[in-house]
């Protein structure tokens, strides 16, 4: 299991498009992926759960990956977050 603390750098946070992008990445991997933020813990493979977090831009987000491909999964999620979900 690995855990990374991130800060959402995109202005609008986890609204529909970034939530969808994050969920698509999580679904590509066998590892379980959990997000923690805004007082909630959710399964990153569920777009509905990700969107209900209500995490805004500039807010902290904890990403936990646990499984056989956790390193690759975490690297892909970090890339997405660091690049502002490719929205800007």
PDB file of N, CA and C in Angstrom:
ATOM      1  N   UNK A   1       0.848  -1.189   0.000  1.00  0.00           N
ATOM      2  CA  UNK A   1       0.000   0.000   0.000  1.00  0.00           C
ATOM      3  C   UNK A   1       0.886   1.241   0.000  1.00  0.00           C
ATOM      4  N   UNK A   2       0.526   2.198  -0.829  1.00  0.00           N
ATOM      5  CA  UNK A   2       1.230   3.482  -0.833  1.00  0.00           C
ATOM      6  C   UNK A   2       0.205   4.596  -0.695  1.00  0.00           C
ATOM      7  N   UNK A   3       0.677   5.681  -0.129  1.00  0.00           N
ATOM      8  CA  UNK A   3      -0.199   6.833   0.109  1.00  0.00           C
ATOM      9  C   UNK A   3       0.547   8.097  -0.269  1.00  0.00           C
ATOM     10  N   UNK A   4      -0.143   8.983  -0.964  1.00  0.00           N
ATOM     11  CA  UNK A   4       0.448  10.268  -1.362  1.00  0.00           C
ATOM     12  C   UNK A   4      -0.498  11.400  -0.992  1.00  0.00           C
ATOM     13  N   UNK A   5       0.069  12.457  -0.456  1.00  0.00           N
ATOM     14  CA  UNK A   5      -0.686  13.678  -0.183  1.00  0.00           C
ATOM     15  C   UNK A   5      -0.505  14.610  -1.369  1.00  0.00           C
ATOM     16  N   UNK A   6      -1.615  15.076  -1.904  1.00  0.00           N
ATOM     17  CA  UNK A   6      -1.590  15.961  -3.062  1.00  0.00           C
ATOM     18  C   UNK A   6      -2.451  17.180  -2.769  1.00  0.00           C
ATOM     19  N   UNK A   7      -2.253  18.206  -3.558  1.00  0.00           N
ATOM     20  CA  UNK A   7      -3.111  19.388  -3.503  1.00  0.00           C
ATOM     21  C   UNK A   7      -3.684  19.587  -4.897  1.00  0.00           C
ATOM     22  N   UNK A   8      -4.993  19.738  -4.969  1.00  0.00           N
ATOM     23  CA  UNK A   8      -5.622  19.948  -6.275  1.00  0.00           C
ATOM     24  C   UNK A   8      -5.226  21.315  -6.797  1.00  0.00           C
ATOM     25  N   UNK A   9      -4.550  21.325  -7.912  1.00  0.00           N
ATOM     26  CA  UNK A   9      -4.040  22.581  -8.464  1.00  0.00           C
ATOM     27  C   UNK A   9      -4.956  23.161  -9.530  1.00  0.00           C
ATOM     28  N   UNK A  10      -5.956  22.385  -9.957  1.00  0.00           N
ATOM     29  CA  UNK A  10      -6.892  22.960 -10.925  1.00  0.00           C
ATOM     30  C   UNK A  10      -7.893  23.833 -10.184  1.00  0.00           C
ATOM     31  N   UNK A  11      -8.330  24.856 -10.827  1.00  0.00           N
ATOM     32  CA  UNK A  11      -9.134  25.895 -10.177  1.00  0.00           C
ATOM     33  C   UNK A  11     -10.472  25.383  -9.630  1.00  0.00           C
ATOM     34  N   UNK A  12     -11.135  24.491 -10.347  1.00  0.00           N
ATOM     35  CA  UNK A  12     -12.485  24.078  -9.978  1.00  0.00           C
ATOM     36  C   UNK A  12     -12.563  22.801  -9.154  1.00  0.00           C
ATOM     37  N   UNK A  13     -11.436  22.133  -8.921  1.00  0.00           N
ATOM     38  CA  UNK A  13     -11.460  20.926  -8.107  1.00  0.00           C
ATOM     39  C   UNK A  13     -12.024  19.732  -8.859  1.00  0.00           C
ATOM     40  N   UNK A  14     -12.620  18.801  -8.108  1.00  0.00           N
ATOM     41  CA  UNK A  14     -13.107  17.557  -8.705  1.00  0.00           C
ATOM     42  C   UNK A  14     -14.548  17.669  -9.185  1.00  0.00           C
ATOM     43  N   UNK A  15     -14.770  18.494 -10.188  1.00  0.00           N
ATOM     44  CA  UNK A  15     -16.086  18.537 -10.824  1.00  0.00           C
ATOM     45  C   UNK A  15     -16.134  17.408 -11.859  1.00  0.00           C
ATOM     46  N   UNK A  16     -17.122  17.356 -12.714  1.00  0.00           N
ATOM     47  CA  UNK A  16     -17.383  16.203 -13.582  1.00  0.00           C
ATOM     48  C   UNK A  16     -16.186  15.763 -14.441  1.00  0.00           C
ATOM     49  N   UNK A  17     -15.569  16.670 -15.178  1.00  0.00           N
ATOM     50  CA  UNK A  17     -14.484  16.256 -16.084  1.00  0.00           C
ATOM     51  C   UNK A  17     -13.272  15.710 -15.343  1.00  0.00           C
ATOM     52  N   UNK A  18     -12.740  16.420 -14.333  1.00  0.00           N
ATOM     53  CA  UNK A  18     -11.592  15.848 -13.635  1.00  0.00           C
ATOM     54  C   UNK A  18     -11.935  14.579 -12.862  1.00  0.00           C
ATOM     55  N   UNK A  19     -13.131  14.521 -12.310  1.00  0.00           N
ATOM     56  CA  UNK A  19     -13.544  13.302 -11.595  1.00  0.00           C
ATOM     57  C   UNK A  19     -13.587  12.130 -12.568  1.00  0.00           C
ATOM     58  N   UNK A  20     -14.089  12.372 -13.768  1.00  0.00           N
ATOM     59  CA  UNK A  20     -14.141  11.330 -14.784  1.00  0.00           C
ATOM     60  C   UNK A  20     -12.736  10.882 -15.187  1.00  0.00           C
ATOM     61  N   UNK A  21     -11.839  11.835 -15.376  1.00  0.00           N
ATOM     62  CA  UNK A  21     -10.466  11.512 -15.765  1.00  0.00           C
ATOM     63  C   UNK A  21      -9.773  10.695 -14.679  1.00  0.00           C
ATOM     64  N   UNK A  22      -9.955  11.076 -13.432  1.00  0.00           N
ATOM     65  CA  UNK A  22      -9.338  10.355 -12.323  1.00  0.00           C
ATOM     66  C   UNK A  22      -9.912   8.946 -12.220  1.00  0.00           C
ATOM     67  N   UNK A  23     -11.221   8.817 -12.360  1.00  0.00           N
ATOM     68  CA  UNK A  23     -11.871   7.510 -12.289  1.00  0.00           C
ATOM     69  C   UNK A  23     -11.405   6.603 -13.427  1.00  0.00           C
ATOM     70  N   UNK A  24     -11.268   7.151 -14.628  1.00  0.00           N
ATOM     71  CA  UNK A  24     -10.802   6.351 -15.765  1.00  0.00           C
ATOM     72  C   UNK A  24      -9.411   5.802 -15.505  1.00  0.00           C
ATOM     73  N   UNK A  25      -8.543   6.603 -14.919  1.00  0.00           N
ATOM     74  CA  UNK A  25      -7.207   6.116 -14.591  1.00  0.00           C
ATOM     75  C   UNK A  25      -7.290   5.015 -13.540  1.00  0.00           C
ATOM     76  N   UNK A  26      -8.039   5.240 -12.478  1.00  0.00           N
ATOM     77  CA  UNK A  26      -8.152   4.236 -11.413  1.00  0.00           C
ATOM     78  C   UNK A  26      -8.674   2.907 -11.948  1.00  0.00           C
ATOM     79  N   UNK A  27      -9.620   2.969 -12.881  1.00  0.00           N
ATOM     80  CA  UNK A  27     -10.215   1.753 -13.445  1.00  0.00           C
ATOM     81  C   UNK A  27      -9.255   0.956 -14.316  1.00  0.00           C
ATOM     82  N   UNK A  28      -8.191   1.579 -14.792  1.00  0.00           N
ATOM     83  CA  UNK A  28      -7.220   0.891 -15.642  1.00  0.00           C
ATOM     84  C   UNK A  28      -6.351  -0.089 -14.846  1.00  0.00           C
ATOM     85  N   UNK A  29      -6.318   0.061 -13.543  1.00  0.00           N
ATOM     86  CA  UNK A  29      -5.404  -0.711 -12.711  1.00  0.00           C
ATOM     87  C   UNK A  29      -6.146  -1.694 -11.817  1.00  0.00           C
ATOM     88  N   UNK A  30      -5.453  -2.770 -11.462  1.00  0.00           N
ATOM     89  CA  UNK A  30      -6.029  -3.785 -10.582  1.00  0.00           C
ATOM     90  C   UNK A  30      -6.056  -3.322  -9.132  1.00  0.00           C
ATOM     91  N   UNK A  31      -5.186  -2.414  -8.782  1.00  0.00           N
ATOM     92  CA  UNK A  31      -5.090  -1.938  -7.399  1.00  0.00           C
ATOM     93  C   UNK A  31      -6.369  -1.245  -6.949  1.00  0.00           C
ATOM     94  N   UNK A  32      -6.649  -1.349  -5.671  1.00  0.00           N
ATOM     95  CA  UNK A  32      -7.724  -0.567  -5.068  1.00  0.00           C
ATOM     96  C   UNK A  32      -7.209   0.850  -4.888  1.00  0.00           C
ATOM     97  N   UNK A  33      -8.035   1.831  -5.203  1.00  0.00           N
ATOM     98  CA  UNK A  33      -7.631   3.234  -5.085  1.00  0.00           C
ATOM     99  C   UNK A  33      -8.681   3.957  -4.252  1.00  0.00           C
ATOM    100  N   UNK A  34      -8.217   4.593  -3.192  1.00  0.00           N
ATOM    101  CA  UNK A  34      -9.099   5.313  -2.283  1.00  0.00           C
ATOM    102  C   UNK A  34      -8.672   6.769  -2.230  1.00  0.00           C
ATOM    103  N   UNK A  35      -9.647   7.655  -2.194  1.00  0.00           N
ATOM    104  CA  UNK A  35      -9.386   9.093  -2.061  1.00  0.00           C
ATOM    105  C   UNK A  35      -9.922   9.571  -0.721  1.00  0.00           C
ATOM    106  N   UNK A  36      -9.171  10.455  -0.085  1.00  0.00           N
ATOM    107  CA  UNK A  36      -9.621  11.083   1.151  1.00  0.00           C
ATOM    108  C   UNK A  36      -9.495  12.590   0.991  1.00  0.00           C
ATOM    109  N   UNK A  37     -10.586  13.271   1.272  1.00  0.00           N
ATOM    110  CA  UNK A  37     -10.574  14.723   1.186  1.00  0.00           C
ATOM    111  C   UNK A  37     -11.907  15.289   1.619  1.00  0.00           C
ATOM    112  N   UNK A  38     -11.884  16.497   2.129  1.00  0.00           N
ATOM    113  CA  UNK A  38     -13.095  17.184   2.547  1.00  0.00           C
ATOM    114  C   UNK A  38     -13.895  16.349   3.560  1.00  0.00           C
ATOM    115  N   UNK A  39     -13.168  15.607   4.405  1.00  0.00           N
ATOM    116  CA  UNK A  39     -13.809  14.806   5.448  1.00  0.00           C
ATOM    117  C   UNK A  39     -14.452  13.528   4.957  1.00  0.00           C
ATOM    118  N   UNK A  40     -14.171  13.122   3.709  1.00  0.00           N
ATOM    119  CA  UNK A  40     -14.784  11.917   3.145  1.00  0.00           C
ATOM    120  C   UNK A  40     -13.716  10.972   2.628  1.00  0.00           C
ATOM    121  N   UNK A  41     -14.042   9.697   2.633  1.00  0.00           N
ATOM    122  CA  UNK A  41     -13.189   8.668   2.052  1.00  0.00           C
ATOM    123  C   UNK A  41     -14.031   7.908   1.041  1.00  0.00           C
ATOM    124  N   UNK A  42     -13.535   7.831  -0.218  1.00  0.00           N
ATOM    125  CA  UNK A  42     -14.323   7.211  -1.282  1.00  0.00           C
ATOM    126  C   UNK A  42     -13.455   6.308  -2.158  1.00  0.00           C
ATOM    127  N   UNK A  43     -14.128   5.426  -2.877  1.00  0.00           N
ATOM    128  CA  UNK A  43     -13.503   4.565  -3.872  1.00  0.00           C
ATOM    129  C   UNK A  43     -13.295   5.390  -5.143  1.00  0.00           C
ATOM    130  N   UNK A  44     -12.048   5.504  -5.590  1.00  0.00           N
ATOM    131  CA  UNK A  44     -11.737   6.317  -6.773  1.00  0.00           C
ATOM    132  C   UNK A  44     -12.259   5.709  -8.066  1.00  0.00           C
ATOM    133  N   UNK A  45     -12.716   4.465  -8.022  1.00  0.00           N
ATOM    134  CA  UNK A  45     -13.238   3.821  -9.221  1.00  0.00           C
ATOM    135  C   UNK A  45     -14.722   4.093  -9.428  1.00  0.00           C
ATOM    136  N   UNK A  46     -15.304   4.892  -8.553  1.00  0.00           N
ATOM    137  CA  UNK A  46     -16.714   5.273  -8.667  1.00  0.00           C
ATOM    138  C   UNK A  46     -16.816   6.774  -8.916  1.00  0.00           C
ATOM    139  N   UNK A  47     -17.192   7.157 -10.124  1.00  0.00           N
ATOM    140  CA  UNK A  47     -17.279   8.579 -10.453  1.00  0.00           C
ATOM    141  C   UNK A  47     -18.289   9.300  -9.557  1.00  0.00           C
ATOM    142  N   UNK A  48     -19.370   8.639  -9.229  1.00  0.00           N
ATOM    143  CA  UNK A  48     -20.382   9.254  -8.361  1.00  0.00           C
ATOM    144  C   UNK A  48     -19.782   9.570  -6.993  1.00  0.00           C
ATOM    145  N   UNK A  49     -19.045   8.607  -6.447  1.00  0.00           N
ATOM    146  CA  UNK A  49     -18.432   8.824  -5.137  1.00  0.00           C
ATOM    147  C   UNK A  49     -17.394   9.949  -5.190  1.00  0.00           C
ATOM    148  N   UNK A  50     -16.597   9.963  -6.245  1.00  0.00           N
ATOM    149  CA  UNK A  50     -15.569  11.004  -6.386  1.00  0.00           C
ATOM    150  C   UNK A  50     -16.217  12.381  -6.467  1.00  0.00           C
ATOM    151  N   UNK A  51     -17.280  12.495  -7.246  1.00  0.00           N
ATOM    152  CA  UNK A  51     -17.944  13.788  -7.402  1.00  0.00           C
ATOM    153  C   UNK A  51     -18.626  14.253  -6.109  1.00  0.00           C
ATOM    154  N   UNK A  52     -19.087  13.318  -5.287  1.00  0.00           N
ATOM    155  CA  UNK A  52     -19.765  13.706  -4.046  1.00  0.00           C
ATOM    156  C   UNK A  52     -18.802  14.188  -2.972  1.00  0.00           C
ATOM    157  N   UNK A  53     -17.502  14.053  -3.206  1.00  0.00           N
ATOM    158  CA  UNK A  53     -16.529  14.524  -2.219  1.00  0.00           C
ATOM    159  C   UNK A  53     -16.589  16.037  -2.045  1.00  0.00           C
ATOM    160  N   UNK A  54     -16.874  16.752  -3.113  1.00  0.00           N
ATOM    161  CA  UNK A  54     -16.929  18.208  -3.040  1.00  0.00           C
ATOM    162  C   UNK A  54     -15.581  18.855  -2.802  1.00  0.00           C
ATOM    163  N   UNK A  55     -14.525  18.273  -3.346  1.00  0.00           N
ATOM    164  CA  UNK A  55     -13.179  18.805  -3.160  1.00  0.00           C
ATOM    165  C   UNK A  55     -12.944  19.925  -4.170  1.00  0.00           C
ATOM    166  N   UNK A  56     -12.610  21.086  -3.664  1.00  0.00           N
ATOM    167  CA  UNK A  56     -12.391  22.278  -4.498  1.00  0.00           C
ATOM    168  C   UNK A  56     -10.914  22.447  -4.835  1.00  0.00           C
ATOM    169  N   UNK A  57     -10.628  23.317  -5.780  1.00  0.00           N
ATOM    170  CA  UNK A  57      -9.255  23.631  -6.130  1.00  0.00           C
ATOM    171  C   UNK A  57      -8.500  24.188  -4.936  1.00  0.00           C
ATOM    172  N   UNK A  58      -7.259  23.766  -4.780  1.00  0.00           N
ATOM    173  CA  UNK A  58      -6.421  24.201  -3.677  1.00  0.00           C
ATOM    174  C   UNK A  58      -6.573  23.348  -2.434  1.00  0.00           C
ATOM    175  N   UNK A  59      -7.499  22.417  -2.444  1.00  0.00           N
ATOM    176  CA  UNK A  59      -7.735  21.563  -1.280  1.00  0.00           C
ATOM    177  C   UNK A  59      -6.795  20.355  -1.303  1.00  0.00           C
ATOM    178  N   UNK A  60      -6.457  19.860  -0.107  1.00  0.00           N
ATOM    179  CA  UNK A  60      -5.625  18.658  -0.045  1.00  0.00           C
ATOM    180  C   UNK A  60      -6.433  17.416  -0.400  1.00  0.00           C
ATOM    181  N   UNK A  61      -5.742  16.444  -0.966  1.00  0.00           N
ATOM    182  CA  UNK A  61      -6.341  15.171  -1.344  1.00  0.00           C
ATOM    183  C   UNK A  61      -5.326  14.084  -1.019  1.00  0.00           C
ATOM    184  N   UNK A  62      -5.772  13.054  -0.317  1.00  0.00           N
ATOM    185  CA  UNK A  62      -4.916  11.910  -0.026  1.00  0.00           C
ATOM    186  C   UNK A  62      -5.337  10.782  -0.957  1.00  0.00           C
ATOM    187  N   UNK A  63      -4.362  10.224  -1.656  1.00  0.00           N
ATOM    188  CA  UNK A  63      -4.615   9.118  -2.570  1.00  0.00           C
ATOM    189  C   UNK A  63      -3.910   7.885  -2.013  1.00  0.00           C
ATOM    190  N   UNK A  64      -4.663   6.795  -1.891  1.00  0.00           N
ATOM    191  CA  UNK A  64      -4.115   5.537  -1.384  1.00  0.00           C
ATOM    192  C   UNK A  64      -4.320   4.474  -2.462  1.00  0.00           C
ATOM    193  N   UNK A  65      -3.250   3.821  -2.855  1.00  0.00           N
ATOM    194  CA  UNK A  65      -3.321   2.736  -3.831  1.00  0.00           C
ATOM    195  C   UNK A  65      -2.771   1.478  -3.176  1.00  0.00           C
ATOM    196  N   UNK A  66      -3.480   0.377  -3.369  1.00  0.00           N
ATOM    197  CA  UNK A  66      -3.083  -0.877  -2.744  1.00  0.00           C
ATOM    198  C   UNK A  66      -3.324  -2.025  -3.718  1.00  0.00           C
ATOM    199  N   UNK A  67      -2.247  -2.617  -4.192  1.00  0.00           N
ATOM    200  CA  UNK A  67      -2.394  -3.733  -5.106  1.00  0.00           C
ATOM    201  C   UNK A  67      -1.147  -3.974  -5.933  1.00  0.00           C
ATOM    202  N   UNK A  68      -1.245  -4.877  -6.888  1.00  0.00           N
ATOM    203  CA  UNK A  68      -0.064  -5.297  -7.637  1.00  0.00           C
ATOM    204  C   UNK A  68       0.540  -4.226  -8.547  1.00  0.00           C
ATOM    205  N   UNK A  69      -0.252  -3.252  -8.944  1.00  0.00           N
ATOM    206  CA  UNK A  69       0.246  -2.205  -9.844  1.00  0.00           C
ATOM    207  C   UNK A  69       0.100  -0.816  -9.208  1.00  0.00           C
ATOM    208  N   UNK A  70       0.209  -0.778  -7.891  1.00  0.00           N
ATOM    209  CA  UNK A  70      -0.016   0.473  -7.153  1.00  0.00           C
ATOM    210  C   UNK A  70       0.946   1.586  -7.540  1.00  0.00           C
ATOM    211  N   UNK A  71       2.199   1.256  -7.818  1.00  0.00           N
ATOM    212  CA  UNK A  71       3.174   2.299  -8.166  1.00  0.00           C
ATOM    213  C   UNK A  71       2.826   2.971  -9.491  1.00  0.00           C
ATOM    214  N   UNK A  72       2.462   2.171 -10.481  1.00  0.00           N
ATOM    215  CA  UNK A  72       2.100   2.716 -11.784  1.00  0.00           C
ATOM    216  C   UNK A  72       0.817   3.541 -11.682  1.00  0.00           C
ATOM    217  N   UNK A  73      -0.125   3.037 -10.922  1.00  0.00           N
ATOM    218  CA  UNK A  73      -1.398   3.740 -10.729  1.00  0.00           C
ATOM    219  C   UNK A  73      -1.176   5.094 -10.063  1.00  0.00           C
ATOM    220  N   UNK A  74      -0.383   5.100  -9.004  1.00  0.00           N
ATOM    221  CA  UNK A  74      -0.126   6.344  -8.280  1.00  0.00           C
ATOM    222  C   UNK A  74       0.602   7.341  -9.175  1.00  0.00           C
ATOM    223  N   UNK A  75       1.542   6.864  -9.966  1.00  0.00           N
ATOM    224  CA  UNK A  75       2.274   7.762 -10.867  1.00  0.00           C
ATOM    225  C   UNK A  75       1.328   8.405 -11.879  1.00  0.00           C
ATOM    226  N   UNK A  76       0.385   7.634 -12.399  1.00  0.00           N
ATOM    227  CA  UNK A  76      -0.569   8.174 -13.376  1.00  0.00           C
ATOM    228  C   UNK A  76      -1.489   9.212 -12.732  1.00  0.00           C
ATOM    229  N   UNK A  77      -1.925   8.956 -11.512  1.00  0.00           N
ATOM    230  CA  UNK A  77      -2.788   9.914 -10.809  1.00  0.00           C
ATOM    231  C   UNK A  77      -2.014  11.176 -10.457  1.00  0.00           C
ATOM    232  N   UNK A  78      -0.782  11.025 -10.011  1.00  0.00           N
ATOM    233  CA  UNK A  78       0.045  12.196  -9.705  1.00  0.00           C
ATOM    234  C   UNK A  78       0.238  13.057 -10.943  1.00  0.00           C
ATOM    235  N   UNK A  79       0.492  12.424 -12.075  1.00  0.00           N
ATOM    236  CA  UNK A  79       0.669  13.160 -13.325  1.00  0.00           C
ATOM    237  C   UNK A  79      -0.590  13.953 -13.667  1.00  0.00           C
ATOM    238  N   UNK A  80      -1.738  13.322 -13.507  1.00  0.00           N
ATOM    239  CA  UNK A  80      -3.013  13.977 -13.795  1.00  0.00           C
ATOM    240  C   UNK A  80      -3.210  15.202 -12.903  1.00  0.00           C
ATOM    241  N   UNK A  81      -2.978  15.048 -11.612  1.00  0.00           N
ATOM    242  CA  UNK A  81      -3.171  16.149 -10.663  1.00  0.00           C
ATOM    243  C   UNK A  81      -2.154  17.266 -10.916  1.00  0.00           C
ATOM    244  N   UNK A  82      -0.898  16.902 -11.102  1.00  0.00           N
ATOM    245  CA  UNK A  82       0.148  17.905 -11.323  1.00  0.00           C
ATOM    246  C   UNK A  82      -0.087  18.704 -12.602  1.00  0.00           C
ATOM    247  N   UNK A  83      -0.734  18.103 -13.576  1.00  0.00           N
ATOM    248  CA  UNK A  83      -1.020  18.787 -14.842  1.00  0.00           C
ATOM    249  C   UNK A  83      -2.413  19.400 -14.872  1.00  0.00           C
ATOM    250  N   UNK A  84      -2.967  19.626 -13.689  1.00  0.00           N
ATOM    251  CA  UNK A  84      -4.252  20.307 -13.539  1.00  0.00           C
ATOM    252  C   UNK A  84      -5.362  19.626 -14.346  1.00  0.00           C
ATOM    253  N   UNK A  85      -5.302  18.291 -14.395  1.00  0.00           N
ATOM    254  CA  UNK A  85      -6.300  17.499 -15.091  1.00  0.00           C
ATOM    255  C   UNK A  85      -6.392  17.872 -16.575  1.00  0.00           C
ATOM    256  N   UNK A  86      -5.333  18.487 -17.078  1.00  0.00           N
ATOM    257  CA  UNK A  86      -5.257  18.913 -18.486  1.00  0.00           C
ATOM    258  C   UNK A  86      -6.415  19.824 -18.876  1.00  0.00           C
ATOM    259  N   UNK A  87      -6.871  20.631 -17.926  1.00  0.00           N
ATOM    260  CA  UNK A  87      -7.970  21.557 -18.193  1.00  0.00           C
ATOM    261  C   UNK A  87      -7.490  22.961 -18.569  1.00  0.00           C
ATOM    262  N   UNK A  88      -6.294  23.306 -18.179  1.00  0.00           N
ATOM    263  CA  UNK A  88      -5.846  24.697 -18.375  1.00  0.00           C
ATOM    264  C   UNK A  88      -4.756  24.791 -19.418  1.00  0.00           C
TER     265      UNK A  88
END
